[in-house]
Amino acid sequence: MLVLAITVLFTLTGILAVLMIADSLLKARAAYDQLMHEAAVMRAGLAEHPAAPALRVRALASRAMPDRRPAQLRMRHAPVPVPAYAAA
């Protein structure tokens, strides 16, 4: 009985994996076709090319990400605490 349950589980998992891959391939193909259509429209001169500043917006936004370094690395210029026995 356990063997049957494991076999059914692996079979269903395999079927779901194949369906997910097929769905991703269909979505990727549709996105590729849309990009190729937009490129053809731009090459034909029927649509304006985006301005250069509009293309750089994403690069500028990526630099505004918060600093994820540990606190010790961020506080390079902070005073180093001196133990009480060394200060006396």
N, C-alpha and C. Protein backbone atom coordinates (compact mmCIF):
# COMPACT_ATOMS: atom_id res chain seq x y z
N MET A 1 0.83 -1.20 0.00
CA MET A 1 0.00 0.00 0.00
C MET A 1 0.87 1.26 0.00
N LEU A 2 1.96 1.24 0.75
CA LEU A 2 2.86 2.39 0.80
C LEU A 2 3.52 2.63 -0.56
N VAL A 3 3.85 1.53 -1.23
CA VAL A 3 4.47 1.65 -2.55
C VAL A 3 3.50 2.33 -3.52
N LEU A 4 2.23 1.96 -3.46
CA LEU A 4 1.22 2.56 -4.32
C LEU A 4 1.07 4.06 -4.03
N ALA A 5 1.05 4.42 -2.76
CA ALA A 5 0.91 5.84 -2.39
C ALA A 5 2.11 6.64 -2.88
N ILE A 6 3.31 6.11 -2.73
CA ILE A 6 4.51 6.81 -3.20
C ILE A 6 4.50 6.93 -4.72
N THR A 7 4.08 5.88 -5.40
CA THR A 7 4.01 5.91 -6.86
C THR A 7 3.02 6.96 -7.34
N VAL A 8 1.86 7.03 -6.71
CA VAL A 8 0.85 8.03 -7.08
C VAL A 8 1.38 9.43 -6.81
N LEU A 9 2.06 9.61 -5.67
CA LEU A 9 2.61 10.91 -5.31
C LEU A 9 3.64 11.37 -6.34
N PHE A 10 4.56 10.51 -6.71
CA PHE A 10 5.57 10.88 -7.70
C PHE A 10 4.95 11.10 -9.08
N THR A 11 3.94 10.32 -9.42
CA THR A 11 3.28 10.50 -10.71
C THR A 11 2.58 11.85 -10.77
N LEU A 12 1.83 12.19 -9.73
CA LEU A 12 1.15 13.48 -9.70
C LEU A 12 2.16 14.63 -9.70
N THR A 13 3.24 14.49 -8.97
CA THR A 13 4.27 15.53 -8.94
C THR A 13 4.89 15.70 -10.32
N GLY A 14 5.14 14.62 -11.00
CA GLY A 14 5.69 14.70 -12.35
C GLY A 14 4.75 15.36 -13.33
N ILE A 15 3.48 15.00 -13.24
CA ILE A 15 2.47 15.60 -14.13
C ILE A 15 2.37 17.09 -13.86
N LEU A 16 2.33 17.49 -12.59
CA LEU A 16 2.26 18.91 -12.26
C LEU A 16 3.50 19.66 -12.74
N ALA A 17 4.66 19.05 -12.62
CA ALA A 17 5.89 19.69 -13.08
C ALA A 17 5.86 19.91 -14.59
N VAL A 18 5.40 18.90 -15.32
CA VAL A 18 5.31 19.03 -16.78
C VAL A 18 4.30 20.11 -17.16
N LEU A 19 3.17 20.18 -16.46
CA LEU A 19 2.18 21.21 -16.75
C LEU A 19 2.71 22.61 -16.44
N MET A 20 3.45 22.74 -15.37
CA MET A 20 4.02 24.05 -15.02
C MET A 20 5.06 24.48 -16.05
N ILE A 21 5.87 23.56 -16.50
CA ILE A 21 6.88 23.89 -17.52
C ILE A 21 6.20 24.27 -18.83
N ALA A 22 5.15 23.54 -19.19
CA ALA A 22 4.42 23.87 -20.41
C ALA A 22 3.76 25.25 -20.31
N ASP A 23 3.21 25.57 -19.16
CA ASP A 23 2.60 26.89 -18.94
C ASP A 23 3.65 27.98 -19.05
N SER A 24 4.82 27.76 -18.45
CA SER A 24 5.89 28.75 -18.53
C SER A 24 6.37 28.93 -19.97
N LEU A 25 6.46 27.85 -20.72
CA LEU A 25 6.87 27.95 -22.11
C LEU A 25 5.86 28.74 -22.94
N LEU A 26 4.57 28.52 -22.69
CA LEU A 26 3.54 29.25 -23.42
C LEU A 26 3.59 30.75 -23.08
N LYS A 27 3.75 31.07 -21.80
CA LYS A 27 3.85 32.47 -21.40
C LYS A 27 5.10 33.12 -21.97
N ALA A 28 6.22 32.39 -21.95
CA ALA A 28 7.46 32.93 -22.50
C ALA A 28 7.33 33.16 -24.00
N ARG A 29 6.70 32.27 -24.69
CA ARG A 29 6.51 32.41 -26.14
C ARG A 29 5.63 33.62 -26.46
N ALA A 30 4.58 33.82 -25.66
CA ALA A 30 3.70 34.97 -25.87
C ALA A 30 4.46 36.28 -25.61
N ALA A 31 5.27 36.31 -24.57
CA ALA A 31 6.05 37.51 -24.27
C ALA A 31 7.07 37.77 -25.36
N TYR A 32 7.70 36.73 -25.87
CA TYR A 32 8.68 36.87 -26.96
C TYR A 32 8.00 37.40 -28.22
N ASP A 33 6.85 36.85 -28.54
CA ASP A 33 6.12 37.32 -29.72
C ASP A 33 5.74 38.79 -29.58
N GLN A 34 5.32 39.19 -28.38
CA GLN A 34 4.96 40.59 -28.16
C GLN A 34 6.18 41.50 -28.31
N LEU A 35 7.31 41.08 -27.78
CA LEU A 35 8.53 41.89 -27.92
C LEU A 35 8.96 42.00 -29.38
N MET A 36 8.87 40.90 -30.11
CA MET A 36 9.24 40.95 -31.52
C MET A 36 8.30 41.85 -32.31
N HIS A 37 7.02 41.84 -31.97
CA HIS A 37 6.04 42.71 -32.62
C HIS A 37 6.36 44.18 -32.33
N GLU A 38 6.66 44.49 -31.06
CA GLU A 38 7.01 45.87 -30.70
C GLU A 38 8.29 46.31 -31.40
N ALA A 39 9.27 45.42 -31.51
CA ALA A 39 10.51 45.76 -32.20
C ALA A 39 10.25 46.04 -33.67
N ALA A 40 9.37 45.25 -34.31
CA ALA A 40 9.04 45.47 -35.71
C ALA A 40 8.34 46.80 -35.91
N VAL A 41 7.46 47.15 -34.97
CA VAL A 41 6.75 48.43 -35.06
C VAL A 41 7.74 49.58 -34.91
N MET A 42 8.70 49.46 -34.01
CA MET A 42 9.70 50.51 -33.82
C MET A 42 10.61 50.63 -35.05
N ARG A 43 11.01 49.49 -35.61
CA ARG A 43 11.87 49.53 -36.80
C ARG A 43 11.14 50.15 -37.98
N ALA A 44 9.83 49.93 -38.06
CA ALA A 44 9.04 50.49 -39.16
C ALA A 44 8.81 51.98 -38.98
N GLY A 45 9.11 52.51 -37.82
CA GLY A 45 8.94 53.94 -37.58
C GLY A 45 7.54 54.33 -37.17
N LEU A 46 6.73 53.37 -36.80
CA LEU A 46 5.35 53.67 -36.42
C LEU A 46 5.22 54.05 -34.95
N ALA A 47 6.29 53.85 -34.19
CA ALA A 47 6.29 54.22 -32.78
C ALA A 47 7.60 54.91 -32.47
N GLU A 48 7.56 55.83 -31.52
CA GLU A 48 8.78 56.54 -31.14
C GLU A 48 9.62 55.69 -30.21
N HIS A 49 10.92 55.85 -30.34
CA HIS A 49 11.82 55.18 -29.41
C HIS A 49 11.76 55.90 -28.06
N PRO A 50 11.89 55.19 -26.96
CA PRO A 50 11.86 55.85 -25.66
C PRO A 50 13.07 56.77 -25.50
N ALA A 51 12.88 57.86 -24.81
CA ALA A 51 13.96 58.81 -24.58
C ALA A 51 15.03 58.17 -23.70
N ALA A 52 16.24 58.65 -23.82
CA ALA A 52 17.35 58.08 -23.05
C ALA A 52 17.14 58.19 -21.54
N PRO A 53 16.63 59.32 -21.00
CA PRO A 53 16.41 59.36 -19.54
C PRO A 53 15.40 58.32 -19.06
N ALA A 54 14.44 57.98 -19.91
CA ALA A 54 13.46 56.97 -19.51
C ALA A 54 14.11 55.60 -19.39
N LEU A 55 15.15 55.36 -20.14
CA LEU A 55 15.84 54.08 -20.07
C LEU A 55 16.73 53.98 -18.84
N ARG A 56 17.19 55.13 -18.31
CA ARG A 56 18.10 55.12 -17.18
C ARG A 56 17.39 55.13 -15.83
N VAL A 57 16.08 55.22 -15.82
CA VAL A 57 15.35 55.30 -14.55
C VAL A 57 15.56 54.05 -13.72
N ARG A 58 15.55 52.89 -14.34
CA ARG A 58 15.70 51.65 -13.61
C ARG A 58 17.09 51.54 -12.98
N ALA A 59 18.13 51.98 -13.67
CA ALA A 59 19.48 51.90 -13.12
C ALA A 59 19.62 52.81 -11.92
N LEU A 60 19.02 54.00 -11.97
CA LEU A 60 19.11 54.91 -10.83
C LEU A 60 18.35 54.35 -9.63
N ALA A 61 17.23 53.71 -9.88
CA ALA A 61 16.45 53.16 -8.77
C ALA A 61 17.19 52.02 -8.08
N SER A 62 18.01 51.29 -8.81
CA SER A 62 18.72 50.18 -8.18
C SER A 62 19.79 50.66 -7.22
N ARG A 63 20.31 51.88 -7.43
CA ARG A 63 21.33 52.41 -6.52
C ARG A 63 20.73 52.90 -5.22
N ALA A 64 19.41 53.08 -5.18
CA ALA A 64 18.76 53.60 -3.99
C ALA A 64 18.37 52.50 -3.01
N MET A 65 18.87 51.30 -3.22
CA MET A 65 18.54 50.19 -2.33
C MET A 65 19.18 50.42 -0.97
N PRO A 66 18.54 49.98 0.10
CA PRO A 66 19.12 50.18 1.43
C PRO A 66 20.39 49.37 1.61
N ASP A 67 21.23 49.84 2.49
CA ASP A 67 22.49 49.19 2.78
C ASP A 67 22.23 47.96 3.63
N ARG A 68 22.66 46.78 3.19
CA ARG A 68 22.37 45.54 3.90
C ARG A 68 23.61 44.96 4.58
N ARG A 69 24.65 45.77 4.72
CA ARG A 69 25.85 45.28 5.40
C ARG A 69 25.62 45.21 6.90
N PRO A 70 26.34 44.37 7.60
CA PRO A 70 26.20 44.31 9.05
C PRO A 70 26.56 45.65 9.68
N ALA A 71 26.04 45.89 10.87
CA ALA A 71 26.26 47.17 11.55
C ALA A 71 27.74 47.42 11.81
N GLN A 72 28.52 46.40 12.05
CA GLN A 72 29.94 46.60 12.32
C GLN A 72 30.65 47.17 11.10
N LEU A 73 30.28 46.77 9.92
CA LEU A 73 30.91 47.28 8.71
C LEU A 73 30.44 48.69 8.38
N ARG A 74 29.21 49.03 8.74
CA ARG A 74 28.69 50.36 8.45
C ARG A 74 29.29 51.41 9.37
N MET A 75 29.63 51.05 10.58
CA MET A 75 30.12 52.00 11.58
C MET A 75 31.64 51.96 11.63
N ARG A 76 32.29 52.33 10.55
CA ARG A 76 33.74 52.29 10.51
C ARG A 76 34.37 53.38 11.35
N HIS A 77 33.75 54.55 11.41
CA HIS A 77 34.35 55.68 12.08
C HIS A 77 33.81 55.89 13.49
N ALA A 78 33.07 54.94 14.00
CA ALA A 78 32.54 55.05 15.36
C ALA A 78 33.67 54.81 16.35
N PRO A 79 33.64 55.49 17.50
CA PRO A 79 34.70 55.29 18.49
C PRO A 79 34.67 53.87 19.04
N VAL A 80 35.84 53.32 19.26
CA VAL A 80 35.96 51.97 19.78
C VAL A 80 35.85 52.04 21.30
N PRO A 81 34.95 51.29 21.89
CA PRO A 81 34.82 51.35 23.36
C PRO A 81 36.07 50.79 24.04
N VAL A 82 36.48 51.44 25.10
CA VAL A 82 37.66 51.03 25.86
C VAL A 82 37.18 50.32 27.12
N PRO A 83 37.70 49.14 27.40
CA PRO A 83 37.30 48.47 28.64
C PRO A 83 37.62 49.31 29.87
N ALA A 84 36.83 49.14 30.94
CA ALA A 84 36.96 49.95 32.14
C ALA A 84 38.33 49.76 32.79
N TYR A 85 38.87 48.54 32.76
CA TYR A 85 40.16 48.30 33.40
C TYR A 85 41.31 48.95 32.63
N ALA A 86 41.13 49.17 31.32
CA ALA A 86 42.19 49.80 30.53
C ALA A 86 42.15 51.31 30.67
N ALA A 87 41.00 51.88 30.99
CA ALA A 87 40.88 53.34 31.12
C ALA A 87 41.42 53.84 32.43
N ALA A 88 41.52 52.98 33.44
CA ALA A 88 41.97 53.44 34.78
C ALA A 88 43.48 53.56 34.88
